[in-house]
Amino acid sequence: MKYLLLLALLAFVFFMIGARRGRRDEPGQGDRPQRPAAPKTMVSCAECGMHLPADEALPGKGGAFCGAEHRKRFEARQGQA
């Protein structure tokens, strides 16, 4: 009987340790909330007008572009005019 009581006590202690550890890993529990990411500068594609972050845009002679095909098409059209 005393071994059963000792086993139950050990199980309870390990359960409490696990519950504390799980609670500590949750966001917002004791930790400061993380700041949201700074907004990115957006540009629009000179060919299709789609908005995309400036760091992902391809630079070209007529502005920023969403892809190489749009840059090529725009520059070819500008060369004809």
C-alpha atoms as a PDB file:
ATOM      1  CA  MET A   1       0.000   0.000   0.000  1.00  0.00           C
ATOM      2  CA  LYS A   2       2.782   2.438   0.862  1.00  0.00           C
ATOM      3  CA  TYR A   3       4.416   1.754  -2.519  1.00  0.00           C
ATOM      4  CA  LEU A   4       1.159   2.601  -4.270  1.00  0.00           C
ATOM      5  CA  LEU A   5       0.949   5.865  -2.323  1.00  0.00           C
ATOM      6  CA  LEU A   6       4.586   6.667  -3.167  1.00  0.00           C
ATOM      7  CA  LEU A   7       3.950   5.911  -6.851  1.00  0.00           C
ATOM      8  CA  ALA A   8       0.882   8.180  -6.850  1.00  0.00           C
ATOM      9  CA  LEU A   9       2.885  10.981  -5.207  1.00  0.00           C
ATOM     10  CA  LEU A  10       5.681  10.679  -7.792  1.00  0.00           C
ATOM     11  CA  ALA A  11       3.164  10.668 -10.629  1.00  0.00           C
ATOM     12  CA  PHE A  12       1.579  13.832  -9.222  1.00  0.00           C
ATOM     13  CA  VAL A  13       4.959  15.582  -8.933  1.00  0.00           C
ATOM     14  CA  PHE A  14       5.905  14.717 -12.532  1.00  0.00           C
ATOM     15  CA  PHE A  15       2.464  15.843 -13.712  1.00  0.00           C
ATOM     16  CA  MET A  16       2.891  19.224 -12.002  1.00  0.00           C
ATOM     17  CA  ILE A  17       6.390  19.687 -13.463  1.00  0.00           C
ATOM     18  CA  GLY A  18       5.081  18.909 -16.943  1.00  0.00           C
ATOM     19  CA  ALA A  19       2.121  21.269 -16.535  1.00  0.00           C
ATOM     20  CA  ARG A  20       4.437  24.114 -15.494  1.00  0.00           C
ATOM     21  CA  ARG A  21       6.813  23.486 -18.361  1.00  0.00           C
ATOM     22  CA  GLY A  22       3.954  23.471 -20.863  1.00  0.00           C
ATOM     23  CA  ARG A  23       2.525  26.690 -19.476  1.00  0.00           C
ATOM     24  CA  ARG A  24       5.922  28.395 -19.687  1.00  0.00           C
ATOM     25  CA  ASP A  25       6.256  27.527 -23.403  1.00  0.00           C
ATOM     26  CA  GLU A  26       2.975  29.211 -24.325  1.00  0.00           C
ATOM     27  CA  PRO A  27       3.329  32.657 -25.893  1.00  0.00           C
ATOM     28  CA  GLY A  28       2.389  35.545 -23.678  1.00  0.00           C
ATOM     29  CA  GLN A  29       2.907  33.695 -20.404  1.00  0.00           C
ATOM     30  CA  GLY A  30       5.528  35.723 -18.564  1.00  0.00           C
ATOM     31  CA  ASP A  31       7.268  36.737 -21.784  1.00  0.00           C
ATOM     32  CA  ARG A  32       6.882  40.122 -23.347  1.00  0.00           C
ATOM     33  CA  PRO A  33       4.709  40.096 -26.434  1.00  0.00           C
ATOM     34  CA  GLN A  34       6.748  40.294 -29.601  1.00  0.00           C
ATOM     35  CA  ARG A  35       6.528  43.426 -31.688  1.00  0.00           C
ATOM     36  CA  PRO A  36       4.894  43.074 -35.069  1.00  0.00           C
ATOM     37  CA  ALA A  37       7.223  43.273 -38.039  1.00  0.00           C
ATOM     38  CA  ALA A  38       7.778  46.714 -39.502  1.00  0.00           C
ATOM     39  CA  PRO A  39       5.663  47.376 -42.604  1.00  0.00           C
ATOM     40  CA  LYS A  40       7.444  46.933 -45.915  1.00  0.00           C
ATOM     41  CA  THR A  41       7.559  49.538 -48.652  1.00  0.00           C
ATOM     42  CA  MET A  42       5.307  48.460 -51.487  1.00  0.00           C
ATOM     43  CA  VAL A  43       5.707  49.257 -55.192  1.00  0.00           C
ATOM     44  CA  SER A  44       3.550  48.433 -58.186  1.00  0.00           C
ATOM     45  CA  CYS A  45       4.667  46.652 -61.307  1.00  0.00           C
ATOM     46  CA  ALA A  46       4.994  49.077 -64.235  1.00  0.00           C
ATOM     47  CA  GLU A  47       3.524  46.438 -66.592  1.00  0.00           C
ATOM     48  CA  CYS A  48       0.557  44.911 -64.745  1.00  0.00           C
ATOM     49  CA  GLY A  49       0.125  47.148 -61.698  1.00  0.00           C
ATOM     50  CA  MET A  50       0.405  44.352 -59.140  1.00  0.00           C
ATOM     51  CA  HIS A  51       1.673  45.551 -55.749  1.00  0.00           C
ATOM     52  CA  LEU A  52       4.668  43.775 -54.217  1.00  0.00           C
ATOM     53  CA  PRO A  53       7.327  44.515 -51.581  1.00  0.00           C
ATOM     54  CA  ALA A  54      10.118  46.754 -52.898  1.00  0.00           C
ATOM     55  CA  ASP A  55      12.802  44.266 -51.866  1.00  0.00           C
ATOM     56  CA  GLU A  56      11.195  41.573 -54.091  1.00  0.00           C
ATOM     57  CA  ALA A  57      10.706  43.801 -57.155  1.00  0.00           C
ATOM     58  CA  LEU A  58      12.990  43.662 -60.186  1.00  0.00           C
ATOM     59  CA  PRO A  59      14.347  47.085 -61.197  1.00  0.00           C
ATOM     60  CA  GLY A  60      14.177  48.099 -64.831  1.00  0.00           C
ATOM     61  CA  LYS A  61      14.338  51.102 -67.159  1.00  0.00           C
ATOM     62  CA  GLY A  62      10.682  51.951 -66.654  1.00  0.00           C
ATOM     63  CA  GLY A  63      10.342  51.314 -62.917  1.00  0.00           C
ATOM     64  CA  ALA A  64       9.865  48.196 -60.807  1.00  0.00           C
ATOM     65  CA  PHE A  65       8.525  44.907 -62.125  1.00  0.00           C
ATOM     66  CA  CYS A  66       7.011  41.752 -60.631  1.00  0.00           C
ATOM     67  CA  GLY A  67       8.973  39.427 -62.911  1.00  0.00           C
ATOM     68  CA  ALA A  68      11.539  39.226 -65.670  1.00  0.00           C
ATOM     69  CA  GLU A  69       8.891  38.598 -68.342  1.00  0.00           C
ATOM     70  CA  HIS A  70       7.024  41.809 -67.485  1.00  0.00           C
ATOM     71  CA  ARG A  71      10.272  43.812 -67.443  1.00  0.00           C
ATOM     72  CA  LYS A  72      11.223  42.394 -70.868  1.00  0.00           C
ATOM     73  CA  ARG A  73       7.763  43.075 -72.332  1.00  0.00           C
ATOM     74  CA  PHE A  74       7.653  46.647 -70.988  1.00  0.00           C
ATOM     75  CA  GLU A  75      11.164  47.529 -72.188  1.00  0.00           C
ATOM     76  CA  ALA A  76      10.457  46.039 -75.639  1.00  0.00           C
ATOM     77  CA  ARG A  77       7.296  48.148 -75.922  1.00  0.00           C
ATOM     78  CA  GLN A  78       9.170  51.285 -74.786  1.00  0.00           C
ATOM     79  CA  GLY A  79      11.900  50.659 -77.377  1.00  0.00           C
ATOM     80  CA  GLN A  80       9.342  50.598 -80.218  1.00  0.00           C
ATOM     81  CA  ALA A  81       7.826  53.927 -79.287  1.00  0.00           C
END
